[in-house]
Amino acid sequence: MAGMIVAPRRWAARLAAAAGLLVTVVALLIAPATPASAH
């Protein structure tokens, strides 16, 4: 029973992590393509 409870929790944590990664991907997609440069 304990294993059955822990497994959904892990899946929930990984789904939440995937949501955070989705935010990251969106941020990467809207990032401008800027050439390398200096001051």
PDB file of all heavy atoms in Angstrom:
ATOM      1  N   MET A   1       0.833  -1.207   0.000  1.00  0.00           N
ATOM      2  CA  MET A   1       0.000   0.000   0.000  1.00  0.00           C
ATOM      3  C   MET A   1       0.865   1.253   0.000  1.00  0.00           C
ATOM      4  O   MET A   1       0.608   2.216  -0.718  1.00  0.00           O
ATOM      5  CB  MET A   1      -0.912  -0.013   1.228  1.00  0.00           C
ATOM      6  CG  MET A   1      -1.828   1.221   1.315  1.00  0.00           C
ATOM      7  SD  MET A   1      -3.048   1.284  -0.020  1.00  0.00           S
ATOM      8  CE  MET A   1      -4.095  -0.095   0.442  1.00  0.00           C
ATOM      9  N   ALA A   2       1.938   1.230   0.844  1.00  0.00           N
ATOM     10  CA  ALA A   2       2.815   2.398   0.899  1.00  0.00           C
ATOM     11  C   ALA A   2       3.443   2.657  -0.453  1.00  0.00           C
ATOM     12  O   ALA A   2       3.578   3.803  -0.902  1.00  0.00           O
ATOM     13  CB  ALA A   2       3.899   2.194   1.961  1.00  0.00           C
ATOM     14  N   GLY A   3       3.833   1.579  -1.157  1.00  0.00           N
ATOM     15  CA  GLY A   3       4.436   1.754  -2.475  1.00  0.00           C
ATOM     16  C   GLY A   3       3.467   2.350  -3.459  1.00  0.00           C
ATOM     17  O   GLY A   3       3.831   3.141  -4.323  1.00  0.00           O
ATOM     18  N   MET A   4       2.159   1.943  -3.325  1.00  0.00           N
ATOM     19  CA  MET A   4       1.149   2.481  -4.238  1.00  0.00           C
ATOM     20  C   MET A   4       0.914   3.964  -3.991  1.00  0.00           C
ATOM     21  O   MET A   4       0.552   4.704  -4.893  1.00  0.00           O
ATOM     22  CB  MET A   4      -0.164   1.705  -4.053  1.00  0.00           C
ATOM     23  CG  MET A   4      -0.061   0.239  -4.477  1.00  0.00           C
ATOM     24  SD  MET A   4      -1.583  -0.656  -4.133  1.00  0.00           S
ATOM     25  CE  MET A   4      -2.721   0.189  -5.240  1.00  0.00           C
ATOM     26  N   ILE A   5       1.114   4.404  -2.712  1.00  0.00           N
ATOM     27  CA  ILE A   5       0.929   5.826  -2.397  1.00  0.00           C
ATOM     28  C   ILE A   5       2.114   6.638  -2.890  1.00  0.00           C
ATOM     29  O   ILE A   5       1.972   7.724  -3.433  1.00  0.00           O
ATOM     30  CB  ILE A   5       0.739   6.012  -0.876  1.00  0.00           C
ATOM     31  CG1 ILE A   5      -0.573   5.365  -0.444  1.00  0.00           C
ATOM     32  CG2 ILE A   5       0.753   7.489  -0.504  1.00  0.00           C
ATOM     33  CD1 ILE A   5      -0.785   5.360   1.061  1.00  0.00           C
ATOM     34  N   VAL A   6       3.320   6.089  -2.689  1.00  0.00           N
ATOM     35  CA  VAL A   6       4.533   6.830  -3.058  1.00  0.00           C
ATOM     36  C   VAL A   6       4.623   7.036  -4.563  1.00  0.00           C
ATOM     37  O   VAL A   6       4.989   8.103  -5.056  1.00  0.00           O
ATOM     38  CB  VAL A   6       5.788   6.087  -2.530  1.00  0.00           C
ATOM     39  CG1 VAL A   6       7.039   6.711  -3.107  1.00  0.00           C
ATOM     40  CG2 VAL A   6       5.810   6.126  -1.001  1.00  0.00           C
ATOM     41  N   ALA A   7       4.259   5.975  -5.342  1.00  0.00           N
ATOM     42  CA  ALA A   7       4.402   6.070  -6.794  1.00  0.00           C
ATOM     43  C   ALA A   7       3.608   7.226  -7.393  1.00  0.00           C
ATOM     44  O   ALA A   7       4.149   8.007  -8.180  1.00  0.00           O
ATOM     45  CB  ALA A   7       3.996   4.746  -7.426  1.00  0.00           C
ATOM     46  N   PRO A   8       2.300   7.389  -7.045  1.00  0.00           N
ATOM     47  CA  PRO A   8       1.577   8.549  -7.592  1.00  0.00           C
ATOM     48  C   PRO A   8       2.211   9.867  -7.202  1.00  0.00           C
ATOM     49  O   PRO A   8       2.194  10.823  -7.973  1.00  0.00           O
ATOM     50  CB  PRO A   8       0.172   8.389  -6.994  1.00  0.00           C
ATOM     51  CG  PRO A   8       0.035   6.946  -6.686  1.00  0.00           C
ATOM     52  CD  PRO A   8       1.391   6.503  -6.285  1.00  0.00           C
ATOM     53  N   ARG A   9       2.745   9.922  -5.960  1.00  0.00           N
ATOM     54  CA  ARG A   9       3.397  11.168  -5.546  1.00  0.00           C
ATOM     55  C   ARG A   9       4.591  11.480  -6.433  1.00  0.00           C
ATOM     56  O   ARG A   9       4.841  12.619  -6.791  1.00  0.00           O
ATOM     57  CB  ARG A   9       3.828  11.065  -4.084  1.00  0.00           C
ATOM     58  CG  ARG A   9       2.659  11.154  -3.096  1.00  0.00           C
ATOM     59  CD  ARG A   9       3.162  11.044  -1.683  1.00  0.00           C
ATOM     60  NE  ARG A   9       2.067  11.145  -0.730  1.00  0.00           N
ATOM     61  CZ  ARG A   9       2.205  10.965   0.583  1.00  0.00           C
ATOM     62  NH1 ARG A   9       3.403  10.667   1.085  1.00  0.00           N
ATOM     63  NH2 ARG A   9       1.163  11.078   1.389  1.00  0.00           N
ATOM     64  N   ARG A  10       5.361  10.445  -6.742  1.00  0.00           N
ATOM     65  CA  ARG A  10       6.519  10.674  -7.616  1.00  0.00           C
ATOM     66  C   ARG A  10       6.080  11.116  -9.000  1.00  0.00           C
ATOM     67  O   ARG A  10       6.691  12.003  -9.606  1.00  0.00           O
ATOM     68  CB  ARG A  10       7.357   9.395  -7.699  1.00  0.00           C
ATOM     69  CG  ARG A  10       8.130   9.115  -6.422  1.00  0.00           C
ATOM     70  CD  ARG A  10       9.020   7.901  -6.582  1.00  0.00           C
ATOM     71  NE  ARG A  10       9.814   7.677  -5.394  1.00  0.00           N
ATOM     72  CZ  ARG A  10      10.620   6.621  -5.234  1.00  0.00           C
ATOM     73  NH1 ARG A  10      10.718   5.717  -6.204  1.00  0.00           N
ATOM     74  NH2 ARG A  10      11.322   6.476  -4.119  1.00  0.00           N
ATOM     75  N   TRP A  11       4.994  10.470  -9.485  1.00  0.00           N
ATOM     76  CA  TRP A  11       4.505  10.881 -10.807  1.00  0.00           C
ATOM     77  C   TRP A  11       4.018  12.328 -10.772  1.00  0.00           C
ATOM     78  O   TRP A  11       4.244  13.099 -11.711  1.00  0.00           O
ATOM     79  CB  TRP A  11       3.369   9.955 -11.244  1.00  0.00           C
ATOM     80  CG  TRP A  11       3.862   8.713 -11.901  1.00  0.00           C
ATOM     81  CD1 TRP A  11       3.851   7.448 -11.409  1.00  0.00           C
ATOM     82  CD2 TRP A  11       4.478   8.631 -13.184  1.00  0.00           C
ATOM     83  NE1 TRP A  11       4.431   6.572 -12.289  1.00  0.00           N
ATOM     84  CE2 TRP A  11       4.821   7.275 -13.406  1.00  0.00           C
ATOM     85  CE3 TRP A  11       4.778   9.574 -14.174  1.00  0.00           C
ATOM     86  CZ2 TRP A  11       5.436   6.830 -14.563  1.00  0.00           C
ATOM     87  CZ3 TRP A  11       5.393   9.135 -15.346  1.00  0.00           C
ATOM     88  CH2 TRP A  11       5.719   7.782 -15.525  1.00  0.00           C
ATOM     89  N   ALA A  12       3.350  12.709  -9.673  1.00  0.00           N
ATOM     90  CA  ALA A  12       2.874  14.091  -9.552  1.00  0.00           C
ATOM     91  C   ALA A  12       4.051  15.063  -9.536  1.00  0.00           C
ATOM     92  O   ALA A  12       4.009  16.139 -10.157  1.00  0.00           O
ATOM     93  CB  ALA A  12       2.036  14.246  -8.287  1.00  0.00           C
ATOM     94  N   ALA A  13       5.106  14.699  -8.800  1.00  0.00           N
ATOM     95  CA  ALA A  13       6.279  15.568  -8.742  1.00  0.00           C
ATOM     96  C   ALA A  13       6.913  15.716 -10.119  1.00  0.00           C
ATOM     97  O   ALA A  13       7.322  16.806 -10.525  1.00  0.00           O
ATOM     98  CB  ALA A  13       7.300  15.009  -7.748  1.00  0.00           C
ATOM     99  N   ARG A  14       6.967  14.611 -10.860  1.00  0.00           N
ATOM    100  CA  ARG A  14       7.579  14.676 -12.186  1.00  0.00           C
ATOM    101  C   ARG A  14       6.718  15.458 -13.171  1.00  0.00           C
ATOM    102  O   ARG A  14       7.229  16.172 -14.041  1.00  0.00           O
ATOM    103  CB  ARG A  14       7.837  13.261 -12.696  1.00  0.00           C
ATOM    104  CG  ARG A  14       8.981  12.591 -11.931  1.00  0.00           C
ATOM    105  CD  ARG A  14       9.157  11.140 -12.276  1.00  0.00           C
ATOM    106  NE  ARG A  14      10.201  10.530 -11.454  1.00  0.00           N
ATOM    107  CZ  ARG A  14      10.504   9.245 -11.465  1.00  0.00           C
ATOM    108  NH1 ARG A  14       9.835   8.407 -12.257  1.00  0.00           N
ATOM    109  NH2 ARG A  14      11.458   8.774 -10.683  1.00  0.00           N
ATOM    110  N   LEU A  15       5.385  15.344 -13.018  1.00  0.00           N
ATOM    111  CA  LEU A  15       4.499  16.148 -13.863  1.00  0.00           C
ATOM    112  C   LEU A  15       4.664  17.636 -13.558  1.00  0.00           C
ATOM    113  O   LEU A  15       4.674  18.476 -14.460  1.00  0.00           O
ATOM    114  CB  LEU A  15       3.042  15.718 -13.653  1.00  0.00           C
ATOM    115  CG  LEU A  15       2.626  14.387 -14.297  1.00  0.00           C
ATOM    116  CD1 LEU A  15       1.216  14.021 -13.874  1.00  0.00           C
ATOM    117  CD2 LEU A  15       2.730  14.486 -15.823  1.00  0.00           C
ATOM    118  N   ALA A  16       4.782  17.966 -12.267  1.00  0.00           N
ATOM    119  CA  ALA A  16       4.995  19.360 -11.883  1.00  0.00           C
ATOM    120  C   ALA A  16       6.338  19.861 -12.416  1.00  0.00           C
ATOM    121  O   ALA A  16       6.454  20.996 -12.874  1.00  0.00           O
ATOM    122  CB  ALA A  16       4.940  19.503 -10.363  1.00  0.00           C
ATOM    123  N   ALA A  17       7.347  19.002 -12.345  1.00  0.00           N
ATOM    124  CA  ALA A  17       8.648  19.375 -12.899  1.00  0.00           C
ATOM    125  C   ALA A  17       8.541  19.610 -14.397  1.00  0.00           C
ATOM    126  O   ALA A  17       9.148  20.534 -14.946  1.00  0.00           O
ATOM    127  CB  ALA A  17       9.675  18.285 -12.607  1.00  0.00           C
ATOM    128  N   ALA A  18       7.748  18.775 -15.077  1.00  0.00           N
ATOM    129  CA  ALA A  18       7.551  18.958 -16.521  1.00  0.00           C
ATOM    130  C   ALA A  18       6.882  20.293 -16.812  1.00  0.00           C
ATOM    131  O   ALA A  18       7.195  20.962 -17.800  1.00  0.00           O
ATOM    132  CB  ALA A  18       6.723  17.816 -17.078  1.00  0.00           C
ATOM    133  N   ALA A  19       5.952  20.708 -15.921  1.00  0.00           N
ATOM    134  CA  ALA A  19       5.306  22.010 -16.105  1.00  0.00           C
ATOM    135  C   ALA A  19       6.326  23.137 -15.995  1.00  0.00           C
ATOM    136  O   ALA A  19       6.308  24.102 -16.767  1.00  0.00           O
ATOM    137  CB  ALA A  19       4.198  22.193 -15.067  1.00  0.00           C
ATOM    138  N   GLY A  20       7.223  23.001 -15.020  1.00  0.00           N
ATOM    139  CA  GLY A  20       8.283  24.004 -14.901  1.00  0.00           C
ATOM    140  C   GLY A  20       9.163  24.038 -16.128  1.00  0.00           C
ATOM    141  O   GLY A  20       9.572  25.099 -16.604  1.00  0.00           O
ATOM    142  N   LEU A  21       9.460  22.866 -16.681  1.00  0.00           N
ATOM    143  CA  LEU A  21      10.271  22.810 -17.896  1.00  0.00           C
ATOM    144  C   LEU A  21       9.540  23.439 -19.074  1.00  0.00           C
ATOM    145  O   LEU A  21      10.163  24.039 -19.961  1.00  0.00           O
ATOM    146  CB  LEU A  21      10.623  21.355 -18.213  1.00  0.00           C
ATOM    147  CG  LEU A  21      11.692  20.721 -17.317  1.00  0.00           C
ATOM    148  CD1 LEU A  21      11.859  19.251 -17.674  1.00  0.00           C
ATOM    149  CD2 LEU A  21      13.022  21.450 -17.476  1.00  0.00           C
ATOM    150  N   LEU A  22       8.216  23.298 -19.101  1.00  0.00           N
ATOM    151  CA  LEU A  22       7.436  23.920 -20.168  1.00  0.00           C
ATOM    152  C   LEU A  22       7.597  25.435 -20.138  1.00  0.00           C
ATOM    153  O   LEU A  22       7.753  26.077 -21.179  1.00  0.00           O
ATOM    154  CB  LEU A  22       5.958  23.540 -20.024  1.00  0.00           C
ATOM    155  CG  LEU A  22       5.009  24.110 -21.098  1.00  0.00           C
ATOM    156  CD1 LEU A  22       5.414  23.606 -22.484  1.00  0.00           C
ATOM    157  CD2 LEU A  22       3.571  23.725 -20.796  1.00  0.00           C
ATOM    158  N   VAL A  23       7.568  25.998 -18.911  1.00  0.00           N
ATOM    159  CA  VAL A  23       7.817  27.442 -18.772  1.00  0.00           C
ATOM    160  C   VAL A  23       9.188  27.795 -19.324  1.00  0.00           C
ATOM    161  O   VAL A  23       9.379  28.795 -20.025  1.00  0.00           O
ATOM    162  CB  VAL A  23       7.701  27.872 -17.295  1.00  0.00           C
ATOM    163  CG1 VAL A  23       8.107  29.334 -17.118  1.00  0.00           C
ATOM    164  CG2 VAL A  23       6.293  27.640 -16.786  1.00  0.00           C
ATOM    165  N   THR A  24      10.172  26.954 -19.032  1.00  0.00           N
ATOM    166  CA  THR A  24      11.530  27.186 -19.527  1.00  0.00           C
ATOM    167  C   THR A  24      11.584  27.176 -21.047  1.00  0.00           C
ATOM    168  O   THR A  24      12.211  28.033 -21.668  1.00  0.00           O
ATOM    169  CB  THR A  24      12.474  26.101 -18.967  1.00  0.00           C
ATOM    170  OG1 THR A  24      12.431  26.155 -17.548  1.00  0.00           O
ATOM    171  CG2 THR A  24      13.893  26.320 -19.447  1.00  0.00           C
ATOM    172  N   VAL A  25      10.934  26.186 -21.647  1.00  0.00           N
ATOM    173  CA  VAL A  25      10.935  26.080 -23.109  1.00  0.00           C
ATOM    174  C   VAL A  25      10.293  27.300 -23.746  1.00  0.00           C
ATOM    175  O   VAL A  25      10.786  27.850 -24.739  1.00  0.00           O
ATOM    176  CB  VAL A  25      10.219  24.791 -23.555  1.00  0.00           C
ATOM    177  CG1 VAL A  25      10.035  24.774 -25.058  1.00  0.00           C
ATOM    178  CG2 VAL A  25      11.010  23.571 -23.114  1.00  0.00           C
ATOM    179  N   VAL A  26       9.159  27.741 -23.163  1.00  0.00           N
ATOM    180  CA  VAL A  26       8.498  28.941 -23.694  1.00  0.00           C
ATOM    181  C   VAL A  26       9.434  30.145 -23.617  1.00  0.00           C
ATOM    182  O   VAL A  26       9.543  30.931 -24.559  1.00  0.00           O
ATOM    183  CB  VAL A  26       7.185  29.212 -22.922  1.00  0.00           C
ATOM    184  CG1 VAL A  26       6.604  30.567 -23.315  1.00  0.00           C
ATOM    185  CG2 VAL A  26       6.184  28.110 -23.188  1.00  0.00           C
ATOM    186  N   ALA A  27      10.128  30.281 -22.477  1.00  0.00           N
ATOM    187  CA  ALA A  27      11.070  31.398 -22.333  1.00  0.00           C
ATOM    188  C   ALA A  27      12.181  31.313 -23.373  1.00  0.00           C
ATOM    189  O   ALA A  27      12.623  32.325 -23.926  1.00  0.00           O
ATOM    190  CB  ALA A  27      11.665  31.413 -20.920  1.00  0.00           C
ATOM    191  N   LEU A  28      12.639  30.102 -23.646  1.00  0.00           N
ATOM    192  CA  LEU A  28      13.685  29.946 -24.664  1.00  0.00           C
ATOM    193  C   LEU A  28      13.178  30.306 -26.051  1.00  0.00           C
ATOM    194  O   LEU A  28      13.899  30.889 -26.861  1.00  0.00           O
ATOM    195  CB  LEU A  28      14.192  28.495 -24.652  1.00  0.00           C
ATOM    196  CG  LEU A  28      15.093  28.098 -23.479  1.00  0.00           C
ATOM    197  CD1 LEU A  28      15.309  26.596 -23.478  1.00  0.00           C
ATOM    198  CD2 LEU A  28      16.423  28.841 -23.560  1.00  0.00           C
ATOM    199  N   LEU A  29      11.920  29.956 -26.332  1.00  0.00           N
ATOM    200  CA  LEU A  29      11.359  30.242 -27.651  1.00  0.00           C
ATOM    201  C   LEU A  29      11.197  31.738 -27.899  1.00  0.00           C
ATOM    202  O   LEU A  29      11.340  32.207 -29.027  1.00  0.00           O
ATOM    203  CB  LEU A  29      10.011  29.530 -27.813  1.00  0.00           C
ATOM    204  CG  LEU A  29      10.070  27.998 -27.920  1.00  0.00           C
ATOM    205  CD1 LEU A  29       8.668  27.424 -27.949  1.00  0.00           C
ATOM    206  CD2 LEU A  29      10.841  27.574 -29.167  1.00  0.00           C
ATOM    207  N   ILE A  30      10.877  32.498 -26.829  1.00  0.00           N
ATOM    208  CA  ILE A  30      10.693  33.938 -27.022  1.00  0.00           C
ATOM    209  C   ILE A  30      11.988  34.710 -26.877  1.00  0.00           C
ATOM    210  O   ILE A  30      12.014  35.919 -27.051  1.00  0.00           O
ATOM    211  CB  ILE A  30       9.656  34.498 -26.029  1.00  0.00           C
ATOM    212  CG1 ILE A  30      10.179  34.399 -24.587  1.00  0.00           C
ATOM    213  CG2 ILE A  30       8.329  33.809 -26.162  1.00  0.00           C
ATOM    214  CD1 ILE A  30       9.272  35.094 -23.576  1.00  0.00           C
ATOM    215  N   ALA A  31      13.075  34.004 -26.548  1.00  0.00           N
ATOM    216  CA  ALA A  31      14.353  34.710 -26.390  1.00  0.00           C
ATOM    217  C   ALA A  31      14.827  35.243 -27.728  1.00  0.00           C
ATOM    218  O   ALA A  31      14.732  34.565 -28.748  1.00  0.00           O
ATOM    219  CB  ALA A  31      15.408  33.745 -25.813  1.00  0.00           C
ATOM    220  N   PRO A  32      15.357  36.462 -27.753  1.00  0.00           N
ATOM    221  CA  PRO A  32      15.851  37.020 -29.000  1.00  0.00           C
ATOM    222  C   PRO A  32      17.165  36.378 -29.398  1.00  0.00           C
ATOM    223  O   PRO A  32      17.920  35.931 -28.542  1.00  0.00           O
ATOM    224  CB  PRO A  32      16.053  38.507 -28.662  1.00  0.00           C
ATOM    225  CG  PRO A  32      16.337  38.513 -27.195  1.00  0.00           C
ATOM    226  CD  PRO A  32      15.526  37.381 -26.619  1.00  0.00           C
ATOM    227  N   ALA A  33      17.415  36.335 -30.684  1.00  0.00           N
ATOM    228  CA  ALA A  33      18.703  35.821 -31.171  1.00  0.00           C
ATOM    229  C   ALA A  33      19.659  36.996 -31.289  1.00  0.00           C
ATOM    230  O   ALA A  33      19.602  37.770 -32.214  1.00  0.00           O
ATOM    231  CB  ALA A  33      18.524  35.158 -32.533  1.00  0.00           C
ATOM    232  N   THR A  34      20.538  37.128 -30.292  1.00  0.00           N
ATOM    233  CA  THR A  34      21.466  38.249 -30.284  1.00  0.00           C
ATOM    234  C   THR A  34      22.887  37.765 -30.525  1.00  0.00           C
ATOM    235  O   THR A  34      23.295  36.762 -29.982  1.00  0.00           O
ATOM    236  CB  THR A  34      21.441  38.970 -28.940  1.00  0.00           C
ATOM    237  OG1 THR A  34      20.943  38.124 -27.955  1.00  0.00           O
ATOM    238  CG2 THR A  34      20.712  40.259 -28.972  1.00  0.00           C
ATOM    239  N   PRO A  35      23.667  38.466 -31.336  1.00  0.00           N
ATOM    240  CA  PRO A  35      25.041  38.070 -31.572  1.00  0.00           C
ATOM    241  C   PRO A  35      25.908  38.311 -30.357  1.00  0.00           C
ATOM    242  O   PRO A  35      25.636  39.189 -29.564  1.00  0.00           O
ATOM    243  CB  PRO A  35      25.481  38.989 -32.734  1.00  0.00           C
ATOM    244  CG  PRO A  35      24.596  40.181 -32.616  1.00  0.00           C
ATOM    245  CD  PRO A  35      23.305  39.690 -32.074  1.00  0.00           C
ATOM    246  N   ALA A  36      26.956  37.517 -30.237  1.00  0.00           N
ATOM    247  CA  ALA A  36      27.884  37.713 -29.127  1.00  0.00           C
ATOM    248  C   ALA A  36      28.603  39.038 -29.288  1.00  0.00           C
ATOM    249  O   ALA A  36      28.984  39.422 -30.373  1.00  0.00           O
ATOM    250  CB  ALA A  36      28.905  36.566 -29.096  1.00  0.00           C
ATOM    251  N   SER A  37      28.782  39.744 -28.179  1.00  0.00           N
ATOM    252  CA  SER A  37      29.420  41.035 -28.216  1.00  0.00           C
ATOM    253  C   SER A  37      29.921  41.387 -26.852  1.00  0.00           C
ATOM    254  O   SER A  37      29.918  40.573 -25.977  1.00  0.00           O
ATOM    255  CB  SER A  37      28.415  41.976 -28.802  1.00  0.00           C
ATOM    256  OG  SER A  37      28.163  43.086 -28.309  1.00  0.00           O
ATOM    257  N   ALA A  38      30.396  42.626 -26.662  1.00  0.00           N
ATOM    258  CA  ALA A  38      30.963  43.021 -25.378  1.00  0.00           C
ATOM    259  C   ALA A  38      30.425  44.373 -24.980  1.00  0.00           C
ATOM    260  O   ALA A  38      29.512  44.877 -25.594  1.00  0.00           O
ATOM    261  CB  ALA A  38      32.489  43.046 -25.485  1.00  0.00           C
ATOM    262  N   HIS A  39      31.013  44.967 -23.927  1.00  0.00           N
ATOM    263  CA  HIS A  39      30.637  46.319 -23.565  1.00  0.00           C
ATOM    264  C   HIS A  39      30.792  47.212 -24.791  1.00  0.00           C
ATOM    265  O   HIS A  39      31.887  47.377 -25.318  1.00  0.00           O
ATOM    266  CB  HIS A  39      31.577  46.832 -22.464  1.00  0.00           C
ATOM    267  CG  HIS A  39      31.003  46.685 -21.090  1.00  0.00           C
ATOM    268  ND1 HIS A  39      30.721  45.479 -20.537  1.00  0.00           N
ATOM    269  CD2 HIS A  39      30.673  47.619 -20.158  1.00  0.00           C
ATOM    270  CE1 HIS A  39      30.244  45.665 -19.303  1.00  0.00           C
ATOM    271  NE2 HIS A  39      30.203  46.945 -19.055  1.00  0.00           N
TER     272      HIS A  39
END
